[in-house]
PDB file of N, CA and C in Angstrom:
ATOM      1  N   MET A   1     -31.377  35.494  42.708  1.00  0.00           N
ATOM      2  CA  MET A   1     -32.342  35.756  43.745  1.00  0.00           C
ATOM      3  C   MET A   1     -31.855  35.259  45.096  1.00  0.00           C
ATOM      4  N   ALA A   2     -31.337  34.060  45.116  1.00  0.00           N
ATOM      5  CA  ALA A   2     -30.874  33.505  46.385  1.00  0.00           C
ATOM      6  C   ALA A   2     -29.762  34.359  46.976  1.00  0.00           C
ATOM      7  N   GLN A   3     -28.892  34.888  46.134  1.00  0.00           N
ATOM      8  CA  GLN A   3     -27.801  35.735  46.630  1.00  0.00           C
ATOM      9  C   GLN A   3     -28.345  37.018  47.257  1.00  0.00           C
ATOM     10  N   LEU A   4     -29.362  37.592  46.642  1.00  0.00           N
ATOM     11  CA  LEU A   4     -29.984  38.795  47.192  1.00  0.00           C
ATOM     12  C   LEU A   4     -30.612  38.489  48.550  1.00  0.00           C
ATOM     13  N   TYR A   5     -31.326  37.386  48.627  1.00  0.00           N
ATOM     14  CA  TYR A   5     -31.939  36.979  49.888  1.00  0.00           C
ATOM     15  C   TYR A   5     -30.876  36.789  50.973  1.00  0.00           C
ATOM     16  N   LEU A   6     -29.797  36.109  50.649  1.00  0.00           N
ATOM     17  CA  LEU A   6     -28.727  35.884  51.619  1.00  0.00           C
ATOM     18  C   LEU A   6     -28.088  37.200  52.067  1.00  0.00           C
ATOM     19  N   LYS A   7     -27.967  38.138  51.158  1.00  0.00           N
ATOM     20  CA  LYS A   7     -27.423  39.451  51.513  1.00  0.00           C
ATOM     21  C   LYS A   7     -28.363  40.161  52.483  1.00  0.00           C
ATOM     22  N   TYR A   8     -29.652  40.104  52.228  1.00  0.00           N
ATOM     23  CA  TYR A   8     -30.625  40.685  53.162  1.00  0.00           C
ATOM     24  C   TYR A   8     -30.485  40.059  54.542  1.00  0.00           C
ATOM     25  N   GLN A   9     -30.358  38.750  54.586  1.00  0.00           N
ATOM     26  CA  GLN A   9     -30.194  38.064  55.863  1.00  0.00           C
ATOM     27  C   GLN A   9     -28.929  38.537  56.572  1.00  0.00           C
ATOM     28  N   GLN A  10     -27.861  38.659  55.829  1.00  0.00           N
ATOM     29  CA  GLN A  10     -26.590  39.121  56.388  1.00  0.00           C
ATOM     30  C   GLN A  10     -26.735  40.520  56.986  1.00  0.00           C
ATOM     31  N   LEU A  11     -27.510  41.370  56.327  1.00  0.00           N
ATOM     32  CA  LEU A  11     -27.715  42.744  56.787  1.00  0.00           C
ATOM     33  C   LEU A  11     -28.872  42.865  57.770  1.00  0.00           C
ATOM     34  N   GLN A  12     -29.464  41.752  58.137  1.00  0.00           N
ATOM     35  CA  GLN A  12     -30.604  41.682  59.052  1.00  0.00           C
ATOM     36  C   GLN A  12     -31.809  42.470  58.537  1.00  0.00           C
ATOM     37  N   VAL A  13     -32.015  42.412  57.230  1.00  0.00           N
ATOM     38  CA  VAL A  13     -33.186  43.007  56.597  1.00  0.00           C
ATOM     39  C   VAL A  13     -34.254  41.922  56.529  1.00  0.00           C
ATOM     40  N   PRO A  14     -35.440  42.170  57.089  1.00  0.00           N
ATOM     41  CA  PRO A  14     -36.488  41.154  57.019  1.00  0.00           C
ATOM     42  C   PRO A  14     -36.800  40.809  55.560  1.00  0.00           C
ATOM     43  N   ALA A  15     -36.779  39.541  55.242  1.00  0.00           N
ATOM     44  CA  ALA A  15     -37.018  39.115  53.862  1.00  0.00           C
ATOM     45  C   ALA A  15     -37.496  37.673  53.839  1.00  0.00           C
ATOM     46  N   GLU A  16     -38.217  37.345  52.792  1.00  0.00           N
ATOM     47  CA  GLU A  16     -38.626  35.970  52.525  1.00  0.00           C
ATOM     48  C   GLU A  16     -38.297  35.668  51.075  1.00  0.00           C
ATOM     49  N   LEU A  17     -37.994  34.427  50.802  1.00  0.00           N
ATOM     50  CA  LEU A  17     -37.738  33.990  49.433  1.00  0.00           C
ATOM     51  C   LEU A  17     -38.630  32.791  49.166  1.00  0.00           C
ATOM     52  N   HIS A  18     -39.447  32.894  48.139  1.00  0.00           N
ATOM     53  CA  HIS A  18     -40.336  31.801  47.754  1.00  0.00           C
ATOM     54  C   HIS A  18     -39.932  31.330  46.366  1.00  0.00           C
ATOM     55  N   ILE A  19     -39.548  30.082  46.260  1.00  0.00           N
ATOM     56  CA  ILE A  19     -39.167  29.491  44.979  1.00  0.00           C
ATOM     57  C   ILE A  19     -40.121  28.341  44.711  1.00  0.00           C
ATOM     58  N   TYR A  20     -40.792  28.396  43.578  1.00  0.00           N
ATOM     59  CA  TYR A  20     -41.771  27.375  43.214  1.00  0.00           C
ATOM     60  C   TYR A  20     -41.168  26.470  42.150  1.00  0.00           C
ATOM     61  N   ALA A  21     -40.842  25.273  42.530  1.00  0.00           N
ATOM     62  CA  ALA A  21     -40.194  24.329  41.614  1.00  0.00           C
ATOM     63  C   ALA A  21     -41.168  23.815  40.559  1.00  0.00           C
ATOM     64  N   GLY A  22     -40.680  23.701  39.340  1.00  0.00           N
ATOM     65  CA  GLY A  22     -41.432  23.057  38.273  1.00  0.00           C
ATOM     66  C   GLY A  22     -42.593  23.829  37.693  1.00  0.00           C
ATOM     67  N   VAL A  23     -42.659  25.149  37.923  1.00  0.00           N
ATOM     68  CA  VAL A  23     -43.796  25.902  37.398  1.00  0.00           C
ATOM     69  C   VAL A  23     -43.416  26.872  36.288  1.00  0.00           C
ATOM     70  N   GLY A  24     -42.171  26.888  35.915  1.00  0.00           N
ATOM     71  CA  GLY A  24     -41.766  27.752  34.819  1.00  0.00           C
ATOM     72  C   GLY A  24     -41.586  29.195  35.256  1.00  0.00           C
ATOM     73  N   HIS A  25     -41.532  30.063  34.273  1.00  0.00           N
ATOM     74  CA  HIS A  25     -41.261  31.478  34.511  1.00  0.00           C
ATOM     75  C   HIS A  25     -42.384  32.310  33.908  1.00  0.00           C
ATOM     76  N   GLY A  26     -42.707  33.412  34.548  1.00  0.00           N
ATOM     77  CA  GLY A  26     -43.662  34.352  33.984  1.00  0.00           C
ATOM     78  C   GLY A  26     -45.106  33.896  34.051  1.00  0.00           C
ATOM     79  N   PHE A  27     -45.484  33.204  35.105  1.00  0.00           N
ATOM     80  CA  PHE A  27     -46.860  32.722  35.194  1.00  0.00           C
ATOM     81  C   PHE A  27     -47.834  33.824  35.563  1.00  0.00           C
ATOM     82  N   GLY A  28     -47.345  34.964  36.027  1.00  0.00           N
ATOM     83  CA  GLY A  28     -48.179  36.133  36.282  1.00  0.00           C
ATOM     84  C   GLY A  28     -49.387  35.841  37.139  1.00  0.00           C
ATOM     85  N   LEU A  29     -50.495  36.463  36.804  1.00  0.00           N
ATOM     86  CA  LEU A  29     -51.725  36.295  37.573  1.00  0.00           C
ATOM     87  C   LEU A  29     -52.700  35.329  36.921  1.00  0.00           C
ATOM     88  N   ARG A  30     -52.255  34.634  35.906  1.00  0.00           N
ATOM     89  CA  ARG A  30     -53.174  33.726  35.231  1.00  0.00           C
ATOM     90  C   ARG A  30     -53.626  32.616  36.179  1.00  0.00           C
ATOM     91  N   SER A  31     -54.768  32.061  35.915  1.00  0.00           N
ATOM     92  CA  SER A  31     -55.265  30.940  36.706  1.00  0.00           C
ATOM     93  C   SER A  31     -54.377  29.734  36.486  1.00  0.00           C
ATOM     94  N   THR A  32     -54.149  29.002  37.550  1.00  0.00           N
ATOM     95  CA  THR A  32     -53.324  27.810  37.448  1.00  0.00           C
ATOM     96  C   THR A  32     -53.830  26.765  38.419  1.00  0.00           C
ATOM     97  N   ASN A  33     -53.610  25.529  38.091  1.00  0.00           N
ATOM     98  CA  ASN A  33     -53.975  24.439  38.985  1.00  0.00           C
ATOM     99  C   ASN A  33     -52.800  24.017  39.848  1.00  0.00           C
ATOM    100  N   GLU A  34     -51.658  24.659  39.670  1.00  0.00           N
ATOM    101  CA  GLU A  34     -50.476  24.351  40.471  1.00  0.00           C
ATOM    102  C   GLU A  34     -50.709  24.900  41.875  1.00  0.00           C
ATOM    103  N   ALA A  35     -50.935  24.023  42.835  1.00  0.00           N
ATOM    104  CA  ALA A  35     -51.326  24.432  44.183  1.00  0.00           C
ATOM    105  C   ALA A  35     -50.382  25.456  44.803  1.00  0.00           C
ATOM    106  N   ALA A  36     -49.092  25.232  44.735  1.00  0.00           N
ATOM    107  CA  ALA A  36     -48.142  26.150  45.370  1.00  0.00           C
ATOM    108  C   ALA A  36     -48.174  27.533  44.724  1.00  0.00           C
ATOM    109  N   VAL A  37     -48.234  27.576  43.423  1.00  0.00           N
ATOM    110  CA  VAL A  37     -48.210  28.852  42.704  1.00  0.00           C
ATOM    111  C   VAL A  37     -49.536  29.586  42.833  1.00  0.00           C
ATOM    112  N   ALA A  38     -50.618  28.869  42.928  1.00  0.00           N
ATOM    113  CA  ALA A  38     -51.939  29.482  42.986  1.00  0.00           C
ATOM    114  C   ALA A  38     -52.072  30.442  44.163  1.00  0.00           C
ATOM    115  N   ASP A  39     -51.310  30.259  45.208  1.00  0.00           N
ATOM    116  CA  ASP A  39     -51.444  31.069  46.418  1.00  0.00           C
ATOM    117  C   ASP A  39     -50.571  32.320  46.423  1.00  0.00           C
ATOM    118  N   TRP A  40     -49.717  32.506  45.439  1.00  0.00           N
ATOM    119  CA  TRP A  40     -48.774  33.618  45.523  1.00  0.00           C
ATOM    120  C   TRP A  40     -49.433  34.993  45.519  1.00  0.00           C
ATOM    121  N   PRO A  41     -50.531  35.245  44.775  1.00  0.00           N
ATOM    122  CA  PRO A  41     -51.133  36.582  44.847  1.00  0.00           C
ATOM    123  C   PRO A  41     -51.620  36.923  46.262  1.00  0.00           C
ATOM    124  N   ARG A  42     -52.157  35.953  46.967  1.00  0.00           N
ATOM    125  CA  ARG A  42     -52.596  36.178  48.347  1.00  0.00           C
ATOM    126  C   ARG A  42     -51.397  36.479  49.241  1.00  0.00           C
ATOM    127  N   GLN A  43     -50.313  35.751  49.032  1.00  0.00           N
ATOM    128  CA  GLN A  43     -49.103  35.982  49.823  1.00  0.00           C
ATOM    129  C   GLN A  43     -48.570  37.402  49.608  1.00  0.00           C
ATOM    130  N   VAL A  44     -48.619  37.882  48.384  1.00  0.00           N
ATOM    131  CA  VAL A  44     -48.153  39.247  48.100  1.00  0.00           C
ATOM    132  C   VAL A  44     -49.044  40.264  48.801  1.00  0.00           C
ATOM    133  N   ARG A  45     -50.364  40.066  48.742  1.00  0.00           N
ATOM    134  CA  ARG A  45     -51.277  40.995  49.422  1.00  0.00           C
ATOM    135  C   ARG A  45     -51.003  41.038  50.922  1.00  0.00           C
ATOM    136  N   LEU A  46     -50.805  39.872  51.541  1.00  0.00           N
ATOM    137  CA  LEU A  46     -50.498  39.826  52.976  1.00  0.00           C
ATOM    138  C   LEU A  46     -49.216  40.595  53.281  1.00  0.00           C
ATOM    139  N   TRP A  47     -48.201  40.379  52.477  1.00  0.00           N
ATOM    140  CA  TRP A  47     -46.920  41.058  52.679  1.00  0.00           C
ATOM    141  C   TRP A  47     -47.072  42.572  52.523  1.00  0.00           C
ATOM    142  N   LEU A  48     -47.789  43.011  51.493  1.00  0.00           N
ATOM    143  CA  LEU A  48     -47.979  44.443  51.279  1.00  0.00           C
ATOM    144  C   LEU A  48     -48.734  45.083  52.441  1.00  0.00           C
ATOM    145  N   ARG A  49     -49.664  44.340  53.042  1.00  0.00           N
ATOM    146  CA  ARG A  49     -50.344  44.846  54.241  1.00  0.00           C
ATOM    147  C   ARG A  49     -49.379  44.925  55.421  1.00  0.00           C
ATOM    148  N   GLU A  50     -48.563  43.901  55.584  1.00  0.00           N
ATOM    149  CA  GLU A  50     -47.611  43.870  56.699  1.00  0.00           C
ATOM    150  C   GLU A  50     -46.633  45.035  56.661  1.00  0.00           C
ATOM    151  N   ILE A  51     -46.222  45.434  55.471  1.00  0.00           N
ATOM    152  CA  ILE A  51     -45.244  46.524  55.378  1.00  0.00           C
ATOM    153  C   ILE A  51     -45.909  47.887  55.167  1.00  0.00           C
ATOM    154  N   GLY A  52     -47.242  47.926  55.239  1.00  0.00           N
ATOM    155  CA  GLY A  52     -47.960  49.190  55.229  1.00  0.00           C
ATOM    156  C   GLY A  52     -48.272  49.784  53.879  1.00  0.00           C
ATOM    157  N   ILE A  53     -48.073  49.043  52.811  1.00  0.00           N
ATOM    158  CA  ILE A  53     -48.390  49.570  51.481  1.00  0.00           C
ATOM    159  C   ILE A  53     -49.886  49.460  51.204  1.00  0.00           C
ATOM    160  N   LEU A  54     -50.501  48.360  51.621  1.00  0.00           N
ATOM    161  CA  LEU A  54     -51.948  48.201  51.504  1.00  0.00           C
ATOM    162  C   LEU A  54     -52.575  48.400  52.873  1.00  0.00           C
ATOM    163  N   LYS A  55     -53.774  48.961  52.880  1.00  0.00           N
ATOM    164  CA  LYS A  55     -54.495  49.132  54.144  1.00  0.00           C
ATOM    165  C   LYS A  55     -55.012  47.790  54.623  1.00  0.00           C
ATOM    166  N   LYS A  56     -55.026  47.630  55.924  1.00  0.00           N
ATOM    167  CA  LYS A  56     -55.515  46.379  56.514  1.00  0.00           C
ATOM    168  C   LYS A  56     -57.020  46.349  56.531  1.00  0.00           C
TER     169      LYS A  56
END
């Protein structure tokens, strides 16, 4: 993932990389008390609006 992000940066493609330490893999949309991970669905919705996939 980090290599892909760095390649985007090199090509000046707007990108963000979010890595959540200590939360495991495949947490999906399940409820969690992990503060950092709990916010990722909202972050995805904001991003999808910014790039025009979701209506504002």
